[in-house]
Amino acid sequence: MNILVACNEKYLRLAKYMLFSLHEHNGFLNVYLIHENVSDKSIEEFGKFFDDHNIGELNIIKFDSSTIDLPLKDDQITGHITKEAYFRLYAPFFLPDDMERILYLDCDIVVLGDIAKLFNHDLNNNLVGAIPDAAVQVTPEFIEYVNKGLGI
């Protein structure tokens, strides 16, 4: 199962918990971790954690946001959104060309069960799959709002 995670140094610890919970219920993972400024030491520790728990294959992608026009600059935060949250939008440019499907998960998710059915859901020729965000859909103007913490 191909998994995409984008985070900074602060969220790396949460990514460990999310991936551990995902692995516990789903087995081998092929993880693509996108970051821009996570220290080499933290990346090494993350890789050791990955190996110690036999989570799967870890692919580290160092992103250079200075080459694109991101909505947020210099680690500016709007609410709880960091610029790393936007890295997933550029996934087609750095993931393998032959990859047919990948599941993006925010770092602050805990997986409580098997997600194979979600991962393999028929997208009906759509490029992206997303889940409506029930917490936001309280007024008609937000009917099209989706949870951006999870996507295929």
Protein backbone atom coordinates (compact mmCIF):
# COMPACT_ATOMS: atom_id res chain seq x y z
CA MET A 1 0.00 0.00 0.00
CA ASN A 2 1.53 3.32 -1.11
CA ILE A 3 1.27 6.06 1.52
CA LEU A 4 2.15 9.75 1.19
CA VAL A 5 3.04 11.83 4.26
CA ALA A 6 4.19 15.45 4.32
CA CYS A 7 5.54 17.01 7.47
CA ASN A 8 8.04 19.27 9.15
CA GLU A 9 10.22 18.55 12.18
CA LYS A 10 7.38 19.35 14.57
CA TYR A 11 4.97 16.81 13.02
CA LEU A 12 7.48 14.00 12.46
CA ARG A 13 6.69 12.43 15.85
CA LEU A 14 2.98 12.36 14.98
CA ALA A 15 3.84 10.76 11.62
CA LYS A 16 5.50 7.90 13.51
CA TYR A 17 2.32 7.20 15.49
CA MET A 18 0.11 7.47 12.43
CA LEU A 19 2.28 5.08 10.40
CA PHE A 20 2.62 2.66 13.31
CA SER A 21 -1.17 2.51 13.74
CA LEU A 22 -1.63 2.13 9.99
CA HIS A 23 0.92 -0.68 9.85
CA GLU A 24 -0.63 -2.50 12.81
CA HIS A 25 -3.92 -2.86 10.92
CA ASN A 26 -2.70 -3.03 7.33
CA GLY A 27 0.72 -4.67 7.16
CA PHE A 28 3.55 -3.67 4.83
CA LEU A 29 3.61 -0.03 3.76
CA ASN A 30 5.47 1.73 0.99
CA VAL A 31 5.81 5.23 2.47
CA TYR A 32 6.84 8.43 0.74
CA LEU A 33 7.76 11.08 3.31
CA ILE A 34 8.04 14.60 1.92
CA HIS A 35 9.82 17.27 3.94
CA GLU A 36 11.81 20.39 3.42
CA ASN A 37 13.75 21.16 6.59
CA VAL A 38 13.70 18.05 8.78
CA SER A 39 17.18 17.50 10.21
CA ASP A 40 19.33 14.60 9.04
CA LYS A 41 19.40 13.32 12.62
CA SER A 42 15.59 13.24 12.79
CA ILE A 43 15.34 11.53 9.41
CA GLU A 44 17.85 8.92 10.59
CA GLU A 45 15.86 8.34 13.81
CA PHE A 46 12.64 8.10 11.79
CA GLY A 47 14.24 5.49 9.52
CA LYS A 48 15.42 3.50 12.54
CA PHE A 49 11.90 3.56 14.00
CA PHE A 50 10.59 2.39 10.63
CA ASP A 51 13.08 -0.48 10.50
CA ASP A 52 12.71 -1.45 14.18
CA HIS A 53 8.96 -1.94 13.69
CA ASN A 54 9.22 -3.55 10.22
CA ILE A 55 6.75 -1.03 8.86
CA GLY A 56 7.86 -1.40 5.25
CA GLU A 57 9.81 0.64 2.73
CA LEU A 58 10.61 4.28 3.48
CA ASN A 59 11.26 6.76 0.66
CA ILE A 60 12.47 10.19 1.76
CA ILE A 61 11.80 13.11 -0.58
CA LYS A 62 13.39 16.48 0.17
CA PHE A 63 11.16 19.19 -1.22
CA ASP A 64 12.40 22.63 -2.29
CA SER A 65 9.49 25.04 -1.96
CA SER A 66 11.60 27.95 -3.23
CA THR A 67 11.18 26.60 -6.78
CA ILE A 68 7.37 26.96 -6.75
CA ASP A 69 4.80 29.52 -5.72
CA LEU A 70 3.29 28.16 -2.51
CA PRO A 71 0.44 30.01 -0.81
CA LEU A 72 2.52 30.13 2.40
CA LYS A 73 6.14 31.20 2.68
CA ASP A 74 8.88 30.82 5.28
CA ASP A 75 6.99 28.34 7.43
CA GLN A 76 4.15 30.84 7.87
CA ILE A 77 1.20 29.28 9.63
CA THR A 78 -2.46 29.97 8.95
CA GLY A 79 -4.31 28.38 11.84
CA HIS A 80 -2.75 24.93 12.06
CA ILE A 81 -1.79 24.67 8.36
CA THR A 82 1.92 24.76 7.53
CA LYS A 83 3.42 24.99 4.06
CA GLU A 84 4.18 21.24 4.20
CA ALA A 85 0.44 20.62 3.91
CA TYR A 86 0.67 21.94 0.34
CA PHE A 87 3.45 19.55 -0.70
CA ARG A 88 0.93 16.77 -1.46
CA LEU A 89 -0.42 18.88 -4.32
CA TYR A 90 2.91 18.45 -6.09
CA ALA A 91 3.08 14.66 -5.61
CA PRO A 92 2.71 13.84 -9.33
CA PHE A 93 5.99 15.65 -9.97
CA PHE A 94 8.15 13.56 -7.62
CA LEU A 95 6.46 10.16 -7.27
CA PRO A 96 7.37 7.32 -9.64
CA ASP A 97 5.67 7.60 -13.04
CA ASP A 98 4.41 4.01 -12.86
CA MET A 99 2.63 4.51 -9.51
CA GLU A 100 -1.08 4.04 -10.05
CA ARG A 101 -2.36 4.95 -6.60
CA ILE A 102 -1.21 6.49 -3.34
CA LEU A 103 -3.09 7.39 -0.17
CA TYR A 104 -2.28 10.69 1.51
CA LEU A 105 -2.77 10.81 5.27
CA ASP A 106 -2.20 13.72 7.62
CA CYS A 107 0.24 13.02 10.44
CA ASP A 108 -2.32 13.56 13.19
CA ILE A 109 -4.51 10.59 12.21
CA VAL A 110 -4.71 7.34 14.18
CA VAL A 111 -5.78 4.37 12.06
CA LEU A 112 -8.05 1.96 13.91
CA GLY A 113 -8.65 -0.68 11.26
CA ASP A 114 -8.04 -2.13 7.82
CA ILE A 115 -8.17 0.56 5.14
CA ALA A 116 -7.71 -1.71 2.10
CA LYS A 117 -11.31 -1.10 0.99
CA LEU A 118 -10.72 2.66 1.12
CA PHE A 119 -7.37 2.37 -0.63
CA ASN A 120 -8.86 0.23 -3.44
CA HIS A 121 -12.09 2.21 -3.82
CA ASP A 122 -13.12 2.72 -7.47
CA LEU A 123 -12.52 6.36 -8.33
CA ASN A 124 -14.63 6.15 -11.51
CA ASN A 125 -11.86 7.68 -13.67
CA ASN A 126 -11.42 10.61 -11.29
CA LEU A 127 -7.83 11.59 -10.57
CA VAL A 128 -8.43 12.16 -6.85
CA GLY A 129 -10.70 10.68 -4.22
CA ALA A 130 -11.66 12.55 -1.06
CA ILE A 131 -14.04 12.21 1.86
CA PRO A 132 -16.74 14.84 2.58
CA ASP A 133 -16.02 16.61 5.85
CA ALA A 134 -19.18 16.19 7.91
CA ALA A 135 -17.96 18.61 10.57
CA VAL A 136 -17.90 21.46 8.05
CA GLN A 137 -21.01 20.61 6.03
CA VAL A 138 -23.43 22.45 8.26
CA THR A 139 -24.44 25.11 5.74
CA PRO A 140 -25.29 24.84 2.01
CA GLU A 141 -22.25 26.87 0.90
CA PHE A 142 -19.90 24.18 2.27
CA ILE A 143 -21.51 21.18 0.54
CA GLU A 144 -18.43 20.69 -1.67
CA TYR A 145 -15.92 20.85 1.20
CA VAL A 146 -13.84 17.71 1.69
CA ASN A 147 -11.52 16.52 4.43
CA LYS A 148 -8.07 17.34 3.10
CA GLY A 149 -6.31 15.16 5.68
CA LEU A 150 -7.10 12.04 3.69
CA GLY A 151 -7.08 11.53 -0.06
CA ILE A 152 -6.39 8.94 -2.73
